[in-house]
Protein backbone atom coordinates (compact mmCIF):
# COMPACT_ATOMS: atom_id res chain seq x y z
CA UNK A 1 -12.64 -37.26 -37.89
CA UNK A 2 -12.57 -34.38 -39.77
CA UNK A 3 -13.93 -31.26 -39.01
CA UNK A 4 -14.20 -28.75 -41.60
CA UNK A 5 -15.48 -26.07 -39.53
CA UNK A 6 -12.98 -22.90 -38.78
CA UNK A 7 -12.39 -21.39 -35.52
CA UNK A 8 -13.74 -17.84 -34.97
CA UNK A 9 -11.96 -15.54 -32.85
CA UNK A 10 -14.52 -13.52 -30.83
CA UNK A 11 -14.69 -10.09 -31.28
CA UNK A 12 -11.87 -7.92 -29.12
CA UNK A 13 -14.96 -6.17 -26.81
CA UNK A 14 -15.71 -9.90 -25.91
CA UNK A 15 -11.98 -10.89 -25.16
CA UNK A 16 -11.91 -11.33 -20.94
CA UNK A 17 -8.38 -11.10 -20.71
CA UNK A 18 -7.79 -7.69 -20.27
CA UNK A 19 -10.46 -6.81 -17.22
CA UNK A 20 -9.11 -10.13 -15.57
CA UNK A 21 -5.60 -7.98 -15.72
CA UNK A 22 -7.02 -5.19 -13.94
CA UNK A 23 -7.85 -7.03 -10.87
CA UNK A 24 -5.58 -7.08 -7.88
CA UNK A 25 -3.93 -10.35 -7.72
CA UNK A 26 -4.77 -12.09 -4.60
CA UNK A 27 -2.36 -12.44 -2.30
CA UNK A 28 -2.18 -15.74 0.44
CA UNK A 29 -0.25 -16.09 3.50
CA UNK A 30 0.60 -19.10 4.86
CA UNK A 31 1.27 -18.41 8.14
CA UNK A 32 0.74 -21.40 10.63
CA UNK A 33 2.87 -20.52 13.27
CA UNK A 34 2.37 -18.03 16.15
CA UNK A 35 5.56 -17.94 17.98
CA UNK A 36 9.20 -16.38 16.24
CA UNK A 37 12.20 -19.18 16.19
CA UNK A 38 15.47 -18.18 17.32
CA UNK A 39 17.30 -15.89 15.18
CA UNK A 40 13.88 -13.92 14.05
CA UNK A 41 12.04 -11.02 14.64
CA UNK A 42 8.27 -10.65 15.10
CA UNK A 43 6.42 -7.98 13.55
CA UNK A 44 3.34 -8.79 14.51
CA UNK A 45 2.58 -6.19 16.71
CA UNK A 46 2.84 -3.51 13.70
CA UNK A 47 5.06 -1.77 11.63
CA UNK A 48 6.17 1.31 10.88
CA UNK A 49 7.76 2.67 7.32
CA UNK A 50 9.94 5.47 7.32
CA UNK A 51 10.52 6.95 3.67
CA UNK A 52 14.35 8.16 3.94
CA UNK A 53 15.34 7.72 0.42
CA UNK A 54 14.98 11.02 -1.30
CA UNK A 55 13.23 11.16 -4.27
CA UNK A 56 10.78 13.79 -5.32
CA UNK A 57 9.27 12.60 -8.88
CA UNK A 58 7.23 10.26 -6.55
CA UNK A 59 8.11 7.30 -8.88
CA UNK A 60 8.11 4.98 -5.73
CA UNK A 61 4.80 6.15 -5.02
CA UNK A 62 2.95 2.85 -6.38
CA UNK A 63 5.44 0.70 -4.54
CA UNK A 64 4.67 2.19 -0.92
CA UNK A 65 0.84 2.25 -2.06
CA UNK A 66 1.27 -1.89 -2.92
CA UNK A 67 3.65 -2.17 0.62
CA UNK A 68 0.87 -0.30 2.67
CA UNK A 69 -1.85 -2.74 1.01
CA UNK A 70 0.03 -5.96 1.76
CA UNK A 71 0.58 -4.90 5.30
CA UNK A 72 -3.54 -4.21 5.79
CA UNK A 73 -4.29 -7.34 3.62
CA UNK A 74 -2.23 -9.54 6.48
CA UNK A 75 -3.57 -7.72 9.21
CA UNK A 76 -0.16 -6.02 10.56
CA UNK A 77 -1.03 -2.46 11.54
CA UNK A 78 1.00 0.12 10.39
CA UNK A 79 1.45 2.31 13.34
CA UNK A 80 3.42 -0.16 15.41
CA UNK A 81 7.29 0.36 16.49
CA UNK A 82 8.78 -2.19 14.13
CA UNK A 83 10.68 0.01 11.58
CA UNK A 84 10.93 -0.49 7.91
CA UNK A 85 13.15 2.17 6.47
CA UNK A 86 14.29 3.10 3.12
CA UNK A 87 17.34 4.88 2.50
CA UNK A 88 20.41 6.04 0.34
CA UNK A 89 23.01 3.85 -0.45
CA UNK A 90 26.01 3.43 -2.53
CA UNK A 91 25.09 3.19 -6.08
CA UNK A 92 25.83 -0.49 -7.82
CA UNK A 93 24.22 -1.90 -10.44
CA UNK A 94 20.42 -0.79 -11.79
CA UNK A 95 18.40 -1.62 -9.34
CA UNK A 96 20.57 -3.80 -7.02
CA UNK A 97 19.69 -2.98 -2.62
CA UNK A 98 20.90 -4.29 0.46
CA UNK A 99 18.23 -5.57 3.43
CA UNK A 100 19.55 -5.37 6.82
CA UNK A 101 16.92 -6.88 8.91
CA UNK A 102 17.80 -6.58 13.06
CA UNK A 103 15.40 -6.97 16.10
CA UNK A 104 13.89 -3.69 15.57
CA UNK A 105 13.89 -2.20 12.34
CA UNK A 106 14.10 -3.63 8.22
CA UNK A 107 16.70 -0.96 6.51
CA UNK A 108 16.47 -1.35 2.74
CA UNK A 109 19.27 0.45 1.19
CA UNK A 110 20.35 1.04 -2.32
CA UNK A 111 21.48 3.75 -4.50
CA UNK A 112 18.73 4.38 -7.01
CA UNK A 113 14.99 4.04 -6.86
CA UNK A 114 14.22 0.85 -8.73
CA UNK A 115 16.58 -0.72 -5.89
CA UNK A 116 14.30 0.51 -2.93
CA UNK A 117 11.23 -0.74 -5.23
CA UNK A 118 13.06 -4.48 -5.65
CA UNK A 119 13.83 -4.20 -2.36
CA UNK A 120 10.12 -3.75 -0.97
CA UNK A 121 9.01 -6.20 -3.44
CA UNK A 122 11.31 -9.00 -2.02
CA UNK A 123 10.14 -8.26 1.72
CA UNK A 124 6.59 -8.60 0.67
CA UNK A 125 8.12 -12.21 -0.91
CA UNK A 126 9.97 -13.15 2.38
CA UNK A 127 6.67 -12.59 4.13
CA UNK A 128 4.75 -14.49 2.03
CA UNK A 129 6.77 -17.34 1.94
CA UNK A 130 7.20 -17.04 5.47
CA UNK A 131 5.11 -19.58 8.38
CA UNK A 132 4.33 -16.29 10.38
CA UNK A 133 4.74 -12.45 10.75
CA UNK A 134 8.61 -13.26 11.11
CA UNK A 135 11.41 -11.94 9.46
CA UNK A 136 14.94 -13.85 9.89
CA UNK A 137 17.49 -11.36 10.91
CA UNK A 138 20.44 -10.74 8.88
CA UNK A 139 21.69 -9.22 5.63
CA UNK A 140 21.91 -9.71 2.27
CA UNK A 141 22.77 -8.14 -1.13
CA UNK A 142 21.13 -8.86 -4.17
CA UNK A 143 21.17 -7.52 -7.82
CA UNK A 144 19.53 -8.57 -10.64
CA UNK A 145 21.67 -10.51 -13.40
CA UNK A 146 19.58 -9.34 -16.23
CA UNK A 147 19.49 -5.72 -16.61
CA UNK A 148 16.30 -5.58 -19.31
CA UNK A 149 13.61 -7.45 -18.62
CA UNK A 150 11.08 -6.34 -21.40
CA UNK A 151 7.05 -7.56 -21.47
CA UNK A 152 5.33 -7.47 -24.85
CA UNK A 153 1.35 -7.23 -24.58
CA UNK A 154 -0.44 -6.43 -27.73
CA UNK A 155 0.32 -7.16 -31.30
CA UNK A 156 -0.37 -5.58 -34.69
CA UNK A 157 -3.21 -5.76 -37.16
CA UNK A 158 -3.81 -8.16 -39.09
CA UNK A 159 -3.08 -10.53 -36.35
CA UNK A 160 -4.58 -7.99 -33.48
CA UNK A 161 -8.12 -6.91 -33.91
CA UNK A 162 -7.59 -3.41 -32.64
CA UNK A 163 -5.47 -0.60 -32.83
CA UNK A 164 -4.62 0.64 -29.21
CA UNK A 165 -3.07 4.21 -30.05
CA UNK A 166 -6.40 4.76 -31.77
CA UNK A 167 -9.09 3.35 -29.43
CA UNK A 168 -10.10 4.53 -25.80
CA UNK A 169 -9.06 1.22 -24.43
CA UNK A 170 -6.97 1.14 -21.28
CA UNK A 171 -4.58 -1.89 -21.72
CA UNK A 172 -2.23 -0.97 -18.93
CA UNK A 173 -4.18 -1.14 -15.57
CA UNK A 174 -2.74 -0.12 -12.44
CA UNK A 175 -3.01 -3.76 -11.27
CA UNK A 176 -1.45 -5.29 -14.61
CA UNK A 177 1.45 -2.94 -14.40
CA UNK A 178 1.82 -3.66 -10.57
CA UNK A 179 1.95 -7.27 -11.33
CA UNK A 180 4.50 -6.71 -14.07
CA UNK A 181 6.67 -4.83 -11.33
CA UNK A 182 6.42 -7.60 -9.17
CA UNK A 183 7.61 -10.14 -11.62
CA UNK A 184 10.82 -7.83 -11.96
CA UNK A 185 9.71 -6.40 -15.44
CA UNK A 186 11.54 -3.02 -16.01
CA UNK A 187 10.63 -2.61 -19.82
CA UNK A 188 7.59 -2.35 -22.25
CA UNK A 189 7.78 -3.13 -25.85
CA UNK A 190 5.90 -1.02 -28.24
CA UNK A 191 5.75 -2.16 -31.84
CA UNK A 192 5.12 0.85 -33.68
CA UNK A 193 6.32 2.38 -36.63
CA UNK A 194 7.88 5.99 -36.85
CA UNK A 195 5.67 6.73 -39.90
CA UNK A 196 2.42 5.86 -37.71
CA UNK A 197 3.44 8.94 -35.10
CA UNK A 198 4.83 11.31 -38.01
CA UNK A 199 2.81 12.51 -40.74
CA UNK A 200 4.04 15.79 -42.30
CA UNK A 201 3.30 17.76 -45.81
CA UNK A 202 6.62 15.71 -46.90
CA UNK A 203 5.26 12.26 -45.78
CA UNK A 204 1.15 12.92 -46.51
CA UNK A 205 0.90 9.02 -46.74
CA UNK A 206 1.92 8.32 -43.08
CA UNK A 207 -0.43 6.79 -40.47
CA UNK A 208 -3.76 8.02 -39.59
CA UNK A 209 -4.42 10.57 -36.60
CA UNK A 210 -0.41 10.74 -35.66
CA UNK A 211 -0.86 13.30 -33.12
CA UNK A 212 -3.48 11.02 -31.24
CA UNK A 213 -1.28 7.88 -31.58
CA UNK A 214 1.40 10.13 -30.20
CA UNK A 215 -0.62 11.58 -27.09
CA UNK A 216 -1.74 7.77 -26.16
CA UNK A 217 1.79 6.75 -26.49
CA UNK A 218 2.87 9.40 -24.08
CA UNK A 219 0.01 8.33 -21.54
CA UNK A 220 1.08 4.84 -22.01
CA UNK A 221 4.79 5.86 -21.22
CA UNK A 222 3.74 8.00 -18.35
CA UNK A 223 1.95 5.55 -16.77
CA UNK A 224 4.11 2.80 -17.05
CA UNK A 225 7.04 4.97 -15.38
CA UNK A 226 5.19 4.84 -12.25
CA UNK A 227 5.89 1.22 -12.08
CA UNK A 228 9.35 1.63 -12.92
CA UNK A 229 8.61 0.18 -16.50
CA UNK A 230 10.21 2.34 -19.43
CA UNK A 231 9.06 2.15 -22.94
């Protein structure tokens, strides 16, 4: 069967992927067990997060916000006695961390903020994969074997129907960046030519409205950094 009609790409304004990526990713808890097993600690009565890791820049605020949302979703009170403590440790690899789980606390220890971020997300994963609000007592050290984990979202004309640095669209919503951060992404690749950002009297042929482009690029870079993602 022959079909001579061509596929017509919908207008960019009709694309649904951008608003969909702006929605919170649903978290499903498969908690079928009511009682902790031997070697586990029960945190169902409530947790208390203690931020002992020193950081003045607020770079971990998005991770802590997600942490609070996580416990709110699973119904564990945030004013309980089980301590979840972040603290400074010996610097090792770029985002390595140690997690020590005892009957009365869980310590996340790292030499930098990104290690703490990975530890927070890993603790969430442990609880998502558990049969109940239980943590296995013990300790482990974890580190990433790939240092740079890069995401690439938007293309460039003519394959792409918009220029994200010249329009008002926000293609990197907080929820989308939160998803990337949870997947371990720590880099965003932007395909932009130097000439698009630097128009001078010596290079009048360079790109349209470079000052606006550069400002939008700075906004994207600053927003991504809040999730530990460099541009």
